[in-house]
Amino acid sequence: MTGPWDDWNHILKLDPDKKLPDGVTYDDLCATGTDAIEVGGTTGMTEENMSAVIEACADHDVPLYQEPSSPDVVVDDDALDGYLVPTVFNAGSPFWITGAHKEWIRIEGELDWERTTTEAYIVLNGEADVATYTQADCDLSAEDVASYAVVAERMFGQDIVYVEYSGTFGDPELVSAASGALEDATLFYGGGIHDYDSAYTMASCSDVIVVGNLAYDEGVDAIRETVEAANDA
C-alpha cells in the first residue's frame, strides 16, 4: 500500500485549541514549504474549531488532512484530502486501539474509506496528555519499539507508523530502531523539534517529521527552518 506521504519529508500539525502568535496567519504557515498540513490535537478539540482551521487552510495548494481525536469532531469537508486516524499500539486502554474506531464507523453518513488512513502510534513521552488519555506504556526499549513497528506493519497492515514524543525531543536511537524494523511503511516522527538541527536529526532517522508546537512558540521563520532541514536530511 502506498500513499502521498511516501514523497513527504515534513508535516505541519496545526492545533485548533492553540492561538497563533501575533502577526502570524494560517496563510503564512501554509506558505512555509511544508509537504502537508495536519489539523488535530489532544485536548480542547471540537468540530467547530477543527472546521475553522480547515477552512483557513483550504485555499492553499498544500495537502490538507484532519487527525480527529475522537469521532465527534470529524469534519465533513471537500477541502480535506483525507483523514489520518490514530490507533495507539502501546495504549493501556483498548478504547484507543479499537474502541474509538468502532464509534468512528457509526458517524452520520457513509464513511469515506477512500480518504481514511490509520496511523499506528507508538507514544513515548509519559508526561504528555496523549499518554495519560491512552494509558500508554511509554517505558519501552529500542527492541520494544522495533517490535511494535513490525506488529503494526506486518500483522496489522499499517501504512504509517508514528513515533510520538508529543512536546519532548525524543531518543534518536528508539526512532532509528523503528525505522530499521520497517520494510515499506512510512515512519512519522513528532515531538520537540525546535530548530534546524533537531529537525535534521529526526529527519535523518525517520521518513517524515511532524512539527507543531513550534508554529505557536516561534512562528513562520522557525517552521521554514525545519522544512529546510527535513529536505536536507
C-alpha atoms as a PDB file:
ATOM      1  CA  MET A   1       0.000   0.000   0.000  1.00  0.00           C
ATOM      2  CA  THR A   2       1.296   3.441  -0.884  1.00  0.00           C
ATOM      3  CA  GLY A   3       0.138   6.951  -0.151  1.00  0.00           C
ATOM      4  CA  PRO A   4       1.145  10.549  -0.836  1.00  0.00           C
ATOM      5  CA  TRP A   5       3.191  10.549   2.386  1.00  0.00           C
ATOM      6  CA  ASP A   6       5.734   8.335   0.614  1.00  0.00           C
ATOM      7  CA  ASP A   7       7.002  11.536  -1.004  1.00  0.00           C
ATOM      8  CA  TRP A   8       6.754  13.814   2.033  1.00  0.00           C
ATOM      9  CA  ASN A   9       9.530  14.985   4.326  1.00  0.00           C
ATOM     10  CA  HIS A  10       7.651  17.457   6.546  1.00  0.00           C
ATOM     11  CA  ILE A  11       4.167  17.849   8.018  1.00  0.00           C
ATOM     12  CA  LEU A  12       2.954  20.957   9.814  1.00  0.00           C
ATOM     13  CA  LYS A  13       0.454  19.992  12.501  1.00  0.00           C
ATOM     14  CA  LEU A  14      -1.988  22.729  13.488  1.00  0.00           C
ATOM     15  CA  ASP A  15      -3.780  22.546  16.829  1.00  0.00           C
ATOM     16  CA  PRO A  16      -7.197  24.268  16.762  1.00  0.00           C
ATOM     17  CA  ASP A  17      -7.062  24.772  20.540  1.00  0.00           C
ATOM     18  CA  LYS A  18      -3.986  26.998  20.292  1.00  0.00           C
ATOM     19  CA  LYS A  19      -3.694  30.646  19.331  1.00  0.00           C
ATOM     20  CA  LEU A  20      -1.260  31.743  16.633  1.00  0.00           C
ATOM     21  CA  PRO A  21       1.424  34.274  17.602  1.00  0.00           C
ATOM     22  CA  ASP A  22       0.739  37.931  16.894  1.00  0.00           C
ATOM     23  CA  GLY A  23       1.252  38.733  13.234  1.00  0.00           C
ATOM     24  CA  VAL A  24       1.180  35.098  12.093  1.00  0.00           C
ATOM     25  CA  THR A  25      -1.653  33.870   9.885  1.00  0.00           C
ATOM     26  CA  TYR A  26      -2.662  30.474   8.557  1.00  0.00           C
ATOM     27  CA  ASP A  27      -1.849  31.817   5.109  1.00  0.00           C
ATOM     28  CA  ASP A  28       1.728  32.393   6.284  1.00  0.00           C
ATOM     29  CA  LEU A  29       2.018  28.875   7.708  1.00  0.00           C
ATOM     30  CA  CYS A  30       0.640  27.252   4.579  1.00  0.00           C
ATOM     31  CA  ALA A  31       3.355  29.036   2.578  1.00  0.00           C
ATOM     32  CA  THR A  32       6.304  27.668   4.591  1.00  0.00           C
ATOM     33  CA  GLY A  33       7.052  24.871   2.117  1.00  0.00           C
ATOM     34  CA  THR A  34       5.709  22.054   4.276  1.00  0.00           C
ATOM     35  CA  ASP A  35       4.566  18.979   2.354  1.00  0.00           C
ATOM     36  CA  ALA A  36       1.227  18.700   4.161  1.00  0.00           C
ATOM     37  CA  ILE A  37      -0.963  20.288   6.804  1.00  0.00           C
ATOM     38  CA  GLU A  38      -2.490  18.090   9.504  1.00  0.00           C
ATOM     39  CA  VAL A  39      -5.224  19.567  11.708  1.00  0.00           C
ATOM     40  CA  GLY A  40      -5.598  17.940  15.099  1.00  0.00           C
ATOM     41  CA  GLY A  41      -4.785  17.930  18.793  1.00  0.00           C
ATOM     42  CA  THR A  42      -5.378  16.049  22.022  1.00  0.00           C
ATOM     43  CA  THR A  43      -7.366  18.455  24.200  1.00  0.00           C
ATOM     44  CA  GLY A  44      -9.984  21.093  23.503  1.00  0.00           C
ATOM     45  CA  MET A  45     -10.996  19.669  20.128  1.00  0.00           C
ATOM     46  CA  THR A  46     -14.444  20.481  18.756  1.00  0.00           C
ATOM     47  CA  GLU A  47     -15.993  20.177  15.346  1.00  0.00           C
ATOM     48  CA  GLU A  48     -16.254  23.978  15.289  1.00  0.00           C
ATOM     49  CA  ASN A  49     -12.610  24.802  15.977  1.00  0.00           C
ATOM     50  CA  MET A  50     -11.445  21.998  13.684  1.00  0.00           C
ATOM     51  CA  SER A  51     -13.646  23.414  10.904  1.00  0.00           C
ATOM     52  CA  ALA A  52     -12.289  26.927  11.425  1.00  0.00           C
ATOM     53  CA  VAL A  53      -8.670  25.865  10.890  1.00  0.00           C
ATOM     54  CA  ILE A  54      -9.534  23.617   7.938  1.00  0.00           C
ATOM     55  CA  GLU A  55     -11.419  26.488   6.318  1.00  0.00           C
ATOM     56  CA  ALA A  56      -8.476  28.854   6.905  1.00  0.00           C
ATOM     57  CA  CYS A  57      -6.116  26.456   5.097  1.00  0.00           C
ATOM     58  CA  ALA A  58      -8.492  25.261   2.394  1.00  0.00           C
ATOM     59  CA  ASP A  59      -7.495  27.656  -0.389  1.00  0.00           C
ATOM     60  CA  HIS A  60      -3.819  26.724  -0.411  1.00  0.00           C
ATOM     61  CA  ASP A  61      -2.162  24.191  -2.683  1.00  0.00           C
ATOM     62  CA  VAL A  62      -0.915  22.069   0.230  1.00  0.00           C
ATOM     63  CA  PRO A  63      -2.366  18.620   1.036  1.00  0.00           C
ATOM     64  CA  LEU A  64      -4.758  19.054   3.952  1.00  0.00           C
ATOM     65  CA  TYR A  65      -5.661  16.275   6.405  1.00  0.00           C
ATOM     66  CA  GLN A  66      -7.663  16.055   9.594  1.00  0.00           C
ATOM     67  CA  GLU A  67      -6.409  13.966  12.504  1.00  0.00           C
ATOM     68  CA  PRO A  68      -9.526  13.666  14.682  1.00  0.00           C
ATOM     69  CA  SER A  69      -9.008  12.907  18.360  1.00  0.00           C
ATOM     70  CA  SER A  70     -12.481  11.363  18.588  1.00  0.00           C
ATOM     71  CA  PRO A  71     -15.331  10.554  16.204  1.00  0.00           C
ATOM     72  CA  ASP A  72     -17.469  13.504  17.358  1.00  0.00           C
ATOM     73  CA  VAL A  73     -15.041  16.092  15.948  1.00  0.00           C
ATOM     74  CA  VAL A  74     -14.856  14.670  12.421  1.00  0.00           C
ATOM     75  CA  VAL A  75     -15.367  17.395   9.802  1.00  0.00           C
ATOM     76  CA  ASP A  76     -17.020  16.544   6.500  1.00  0.00           C
ATOM     77  CA  ASP A  77     -15.319  18.985   4.145  1.00  0.00           C
ATOM     78  CA  ASP A  78     -14.352  18.545   0.497  1.00  0.00           C
ATOM     79  CA  ALA A  79     -11.277  20.681   1.153  1.00  0.00           C
ATOM     80  CA  LEU A  80      -9.732  17.770   3.047  1.00  0.00           C
ATOM     81  CA  ASP A  81      -7.501  15.359   1.180  1.00  0.00           C
ATOM     82  CA  GLY A  82      -8.227  12.785   3.824  1.00  0.00           C
ATOM     83  CA  TYR A  83      -8.359  11.668   7.441  1.00  0.00           C
ATOM     84  CA  LEU A  84      -5.439  10.284   9.434  1.00  0.00           C
ATOM     85  CA  VAL A  85      -6.900   8.314  12.321  1.00  0.00           C
ATOM     86  CA  PRO A  86      -4.592   7.429  15.227  1.00  0.00           C
ATOM     87  CA  THR A  87      -4.574   3.989  16.795  1.00  0.00           C
ATOM     88  CA  VAL A  88      -2.189   3.786  19.755  1.00  0.00           C
ATOM     89  CA  PHE A  89      -0.418   0.438  19.674  1.00  0.00           C
ATOM     90  CA  ASN A  90       1.095   0.767  23.142  1.00  0.00           C
ATOM     91  CA  ALA A  91      -2.097   2.080  24.754  1.00  0.00           C
ATOM     92  CA  GLY A  92      -3.116   0.571  28.067  1.00  0.00           C
ATOM     93  CA  SER A  93      -6.766   1.216  27.274  1.00  0.00           C
ATOM     94  CA  PRO A  94      -8.212  -0.780  24.374  1.00  0.00           C
ATOM     95  CA  PHE A  95     -10.511   2.162  23.605  1.00  0.00           C
ATOM     96  CA  TRP A  96      -7.582   3.890  21.893  1.00  0.00           C
ATOM     97  CA  ILE A  97      -6.656   0.783  19.905  1.00  0.00           C
ATOM     98  CA  THR A  98     -10.067  -0.197  18.514  1.00  0.00           C
ATOM     99  CA  GLY A  99     -12.802   1.239  20.752  1.00  0.00           C
ATOM    100  CA  ALA A 100     -12.817   4.772  19.384  1.00  0.00           C
ATOM    101  CA  HIS A 101     -12.646   3.350  15.889  1.00  0.00           C
ATOM    102  CA  LYS A 102     -15.765   1.287  16.492  1.00  0.00           C
ATOM    103  CA  GLU A 103     -17.543   4.566  17.211  1.00  0.00           C
ATOM    104  CA  TRP A 104     -15.878   6.233  14.230  1.00  0.00           C
ATOM    105  CA  ILE A 105     -17.655   3.976  11.752  1.00  0.00           C
ATOM    106  CA  ARG A 106     -21.002   4.899  13.307  1.00  0.00           C
ATOM    107  CA  ILE A 107     -20.754   8.598  12.458  1.00  0.00           C
ATOM    108  CA  GLU A 108     -23.627  10.032  10.499  1.00  0.00           C
ATOM    109  CA  GLY A 109     -23.335   9.387   6.782  1.00  0.00           C
ATOM    110  CA  GLU A 110     -21.221   6.857   4.953  1.00  0.00           C
ATOM    111  CA  LEU A 111     -17.573   6.712   5.976  1.00  0.00           C
ATOM    112  CA  ASP A 112     -15.255   7.827   3.200  1.00  0.00           C
ATOM    113  CA  TRP A 113     -12.958   4.817   3.214  1.00  0.00           C
ATOM    114  CA  GLU A 114     -11.041   6.056   0.177  1.00  0.00           C
ATOM    115  CA  ARG A 115      -9.803   9.054   2.165  1.00  0.00           C
ATOM    116  CA  THR A 116      -9.337   7.359   5.548  1.00  0.00           C
ATOM    117  CA  THR A 117      -5.978   6.001   6.730  1.00  0.00           C
ATOM    118  CA  THR A 118      -4.990   4.841  10.201  1.00  0.00           C
ATOM    119  CA  GLU A 119      -1.697   5.800  11.845  1.00  0.00           C
ATOM    120  CA  ALA A 120      -0.045   3.269  14.148  1.00  0.00           C
ATOM    121  CA  TYR A 121       1.081   5.467  17.025  1.00  0.00           C
ATOM    122  CA  ILE A 122       3.840   4.464  19.422  1.00  0.00           C
ATOM    123  CA  VAL A 123       3.624   7.034  22.234  1.00  0.00           C
ATOM    124  CA  LEU A 124       6.882   7.517  24.138  1.00  0.00           C
ATOM    125  CA  ASN A 125       6.525  10.641  26.303  1.00  0.00           C
ATOM    126  CA  GLY A 126       4.883   9.507  29.504  1.00  0.00           C
ATOM    127  CA  GLU A 127       4.251  13.112  30.598  1.00  0.00           C
ATOM    128  CA  ALA A 128       2.199  14.002  27.527  1.00  0.00           C
ATOM    129  CA  ASP A 129      -1.590  14.329  27.533  1.00  0.00           C
ATOM    130  CA  VAL A 130      -1.861  11.666  24.858  1.00  0.00           C
ATOM    131  CA  ALA A 131      -0.002   9.198  27.085  1.00  0.00           C
ATOM    132  CA  THR A 132      -2.302   9.972  30.013  1.00  0.00           C
ATOM    133  CA  TYR A 133      -5.502   9.672  27.991  1.00  0.00           C
ATOM    134  CA  THR A 134      -4.485   6.406  26.356  1.00  0.00           C
ATOM    135  CA  GLN A 135      -2.741   4.981  29.443  1.00  0.00           C
ATOM    136  CA  ALA A 136       0.218   4.290  27.205  1.00  0.00           C
ATOM    137  CA  ASP A 137       3.142   2.187  28.379  1.00  0.00           C
ATOM    138  CA  CYS A 138       5.999   4.527  27.481  1.00  0.00           C
ATOM    139  CA  ASP A 139       8.773   2.637  29.280  1.00  0.00           C
ATOM    140  CA  LEU A 140       9.939   0.908  26.125  1.00  0.00           C
ATOM    141  CA  SER A 141      13.341  -0.268  24.944  1.00  0.00           C
ATOM    142  CA  ALA A 142      14.589   0.070  21.386  1.00  0.00           C
ATOM    143  CA  GLU A 143      13.699  -3.592  20.884  1.00  0.00           C
ATOM    144  CA  ASP A 144      10.164  -2.948  22.152  1.00  0.00           C
ATOM    145  CA  VAL A 145       9.712  -0.028  19.762  1.00  0.00           C
ATOM    146  CA  ALA A 146      11.029  -2.048  16.836  1.00  0.00           C
ATOM    147  CA  SER A 147       8.677  -4.896  17.734  1.00  0.00           C
ATOM    148  CA  TYR A 148       5.660  -2.604  17.859  1.00  0.00           C
ATOM    149  CA  ALA A 149       6.656  -1.238  14.451  1.00  0.00           C
ATOM    150  CA  VAL A 150       6.799  -4.752  12.995  1.00  0.00           C
ATOM    151  CA  VAL A 151       3.447  -5.677  14.570  1.00  0.00           C
ATOM    152  CA  ALA A 152       1.899  -2.531  13.075  1.00  0.00           C
ATOM    153  CA  GLU A 153       3.273  -3.108   9.596  1.00  0.00           C
ATOM    154  CA  ARG A 154       3.310  -6.877   9.220  1.00  0.00           C
ATOM    155  CA  MET A 155       0.404  -8.032  11.372  1.00  0.00           C
ATOM    156  CA  PHE A 156      -1.978  -5.085  11.058  1.00  0.00           C
ATOM    157  CA  GLY A 157      -1.008  -3.800   7.616  1.00  0.00           C
ATOM    158  CA  GLN A 158      -0.427  -0.224   8.725  1.00  0.00           C
ATOM    159  CA  ASP A 159       0.943   2.101   6.064  1.00  0.00           C
ATOM    160  CA  ILE A 160       2.021   4.747   8.609  1.00  0.00           C
ATOM    161  CA  VAL A 161       3.898   4.153  11.861  1.00  0.00           C
ATOM    162  CA  TYR A 162       4.131   7.257  14.048  1.00  0.00           C
ATOM    163  CA  VAL A 163       6.695   7.572  16.848  1.00  0.00           C
ATOM    164  CA  GLU A 164       5.240  10.314  19.054  1.00  0.00           C
ATOM    165  CA  TYR A 165       7.083  12.174  21.798  1.00  0.00           C
ATOM    166  CA  SER A 166       4.485  14.976  21.940  1.00  0.00           C
ATOM    167  CA  GLY A 167       6.315  18.141  23.011  1.00  0.00           C
ATOM    168  CA  THR A 168       9.583  16.499  24.059  1.00  0.00           C
ATOM    169  CA  PHE A 169      12.554  15.800  21.825  1.00  0.00           C
ATOM    170  CA  GLY A 170      12.876  12.046  21.578  1.00  0.00           C
ATOM    171  CA  ASP A 171      15.631   9.468  21.583  1.00  0.00           C
ATOM    172  CA  PRO A 172      17.069   9.058  18.057  1.00  0.00           C
ATOM    173  CA  GLU A 173      18.099   5.508  18.956  1.00  0.00           C
ATOM    174  CA  LEU A 174      14.486   4.484  19.518  1.00  0.00           C
ATOM    175  CA  VAL A 175      13.332   6.246  16.346  1.00  0.00           C
ATOM    176  CA  SER A 176      16.096   4.529  14.380  1.00  0.00           C
ATOM    177  CA  ALA A 177      15.013   1.184  15.848  1.00  0.00           C
ATOM    178  CA  ALA A 178      11.522   1.691  14.438  1.00  0.00           C
ATOM    179  CA  SER A 179      12.935   2.800  11.090  1.00  0.00           C
ATOM    180  CA  GLY A 180      15.224  -0.212  10.831  1.00  0.00           C
ATOM    181  CA  ALA A 181      12.368  -2.602  11.569  1.00  0.00           C
ATOM    182  CA  LEU A 182      10.075  -1.315   8.815  1.00  0.00           C
ATOM    183  CA  GLU A 183      10.148  -2.518   5.224  1.00  0.00           C
ATOM    184  CA  ASP A 184       7.516  -0.494   3.364  1.00  0.00           C
ATOM    185  CA  ALA A 185       5.554   1.545   5.912  1.00  0.00           C
ATOM    186  CA  THR A 186       6.291   5.258   6.225  1.00  0.00           C
ATOM    187  CA  LEU A 187       7.737   6.333   9.574  1.00  0.00           C
ATOM    188  CA  PHE A 188       6.472   9.625  11.027  1.00  0.00           C
ATOM    189  CA  TYR A 189       8.255  11.266  13.956  1.00  0.00           C
ATOM    190  CA  GLY A 190       6.765  14.024  16.104  1.00  0.00           C
ATOM    191  CA  GLY A 191       7.941  15.760  19.264  1.00  0.00           C
ATOM    192  CA  GLY A 192      10.201  18.581  20.408  1.00  0.00           C
ATOM    193  CA  ILE A 193      11.537  19.715  17.049  1.00  0.00           C
ATOM    194  CA  HIS A 194      12.568  23.325  17.640  1.00  0.00           C
ATOM    195  CA  ASP A 195      15.261  24.293  15.123  1.00  0.00           C
ATOM    196  CA  TYR A 196      17.248  23.176  12.084  1.00  0.00           C
ATOM    197  CA  ASP A 197      19.498  20.770  13.987  1.00  0.00           C
ATOM    198  CA  SER A 198      16.736  18.959  15.854  1.00  0.00           C
ATOM    199  CA  ALA A 199      14.717  18.699  12.644  1.00  0.00           C
ATOM    200  CA  TYR A 200      17.722  17.350  10.741  1.00  0.00           C
ATOM    201  CA  THR A 201      18.480  14.785  13.452  1.00  0.00           C
ATOM    202  CA  MET A 202      14.992  13.295  13.420  1.00  0.00           C
ATOM    203  CA  ALA A 203      14.537  13.592   9.666  1.00  0.00           C
ATOM    204  CA  SER A 204      17.700  11.519   9.321  1.00  0.00           C
ATOM    205  CA  CYS A 205      16.189   8.579  11.224  1.00  0.00           C
ATOM    206  CA  SER A 206      12.570   8.804  10.053  1.00  0.00           C
ATOM    207  CA  ASP A 207      10.770   9.370   6.769  1.00  0.00           C
ATOM    208  CA  VAL A 208       8.614  12.344   7.749  1.00  0.00           C
ATOM    209  CA  ILE A 209       8.905  14.787  10.634  1.00  0.00           C
ATOM    210  CA  VAL A 210       5.797  16.353  12.156  1.00  0.00           C
ATOM    211  CA  VAL A 211       6.252  19.860  13.544  1.00  0.00           C
ATOM    212  CA  GLY A 212       3.529  21.515  15.585  1.00  0.00           C
ATOM    213  CA  ASN A 213       4.254  23.484  18.749  1.00  0.00           C
ATOM    214  CA  LEU A 214       6.988  25.468  17.035  1.00  0.00           C
ATOM    215  CA  ALA A 215       4.416  27.323  14.934  1.00  0.00           C
ATOM    216  CA  TYR A 216       2.833  28.667  18.114  1.00  0.00           C
ATOM    217  CA  ASP A 217       6.060  29.230  20.051  1.00  0.00           C
ATOM    218  CA  GLU A 218       8.268  30.784  17.361  1.00  0.00           C
ATOM    219  CA  GLY A 219       6.292  31.397  14.169  1.00  0.00           C
ATOM    220  CA  VAL A 220       6.843  31.167  10.444  1.00  0.00           C
ATOM    221  CA  ASP A 221      10.610  31.512  10.060  1.00  0.00           C
ATOM    222  CA  ALA A 222      11.223  28.700  12.536  1.00  0.00           C
ATOM    223  CA  ILE A 223       8.895  26.405  10.582  1.00  0.00           C
ATOM    224  CA  ARG A 224      10.681  27.230   7.324  1.00  0.00           C
ATOM    225  CA  GLU A 225      13.959  26.286   9.001  1.00  0.00           C
ATOM    226  CA  THR A 226      12.622  22.834   9.878  1.00  0.00           C
ATOM    227  CA  VAL A 227      11.314  22.363   6.338  1.00  0.00           C
ATOM    228  CA  GLU A 228      14.794  23.104   5.020  1.00  0.00           C
ATOM    229  CA  ALA A 229      16.331  20.605   7.437  1.00  0.00           C
ATOM    230  CA  ALA A 230      13.839  17.880   6.524  1.00  0.00           C
ATOM    231  CA  ASN A 231      14.627  18.342   2.848  1.00  0.00           C
ATOM    232  CA  ASP A 232      18.378  18.353   3.502  1.00  0.00           C
ATOM    233  CA  ALA A 233      18.408  15.162   5.565  1.00  0.00           C
END
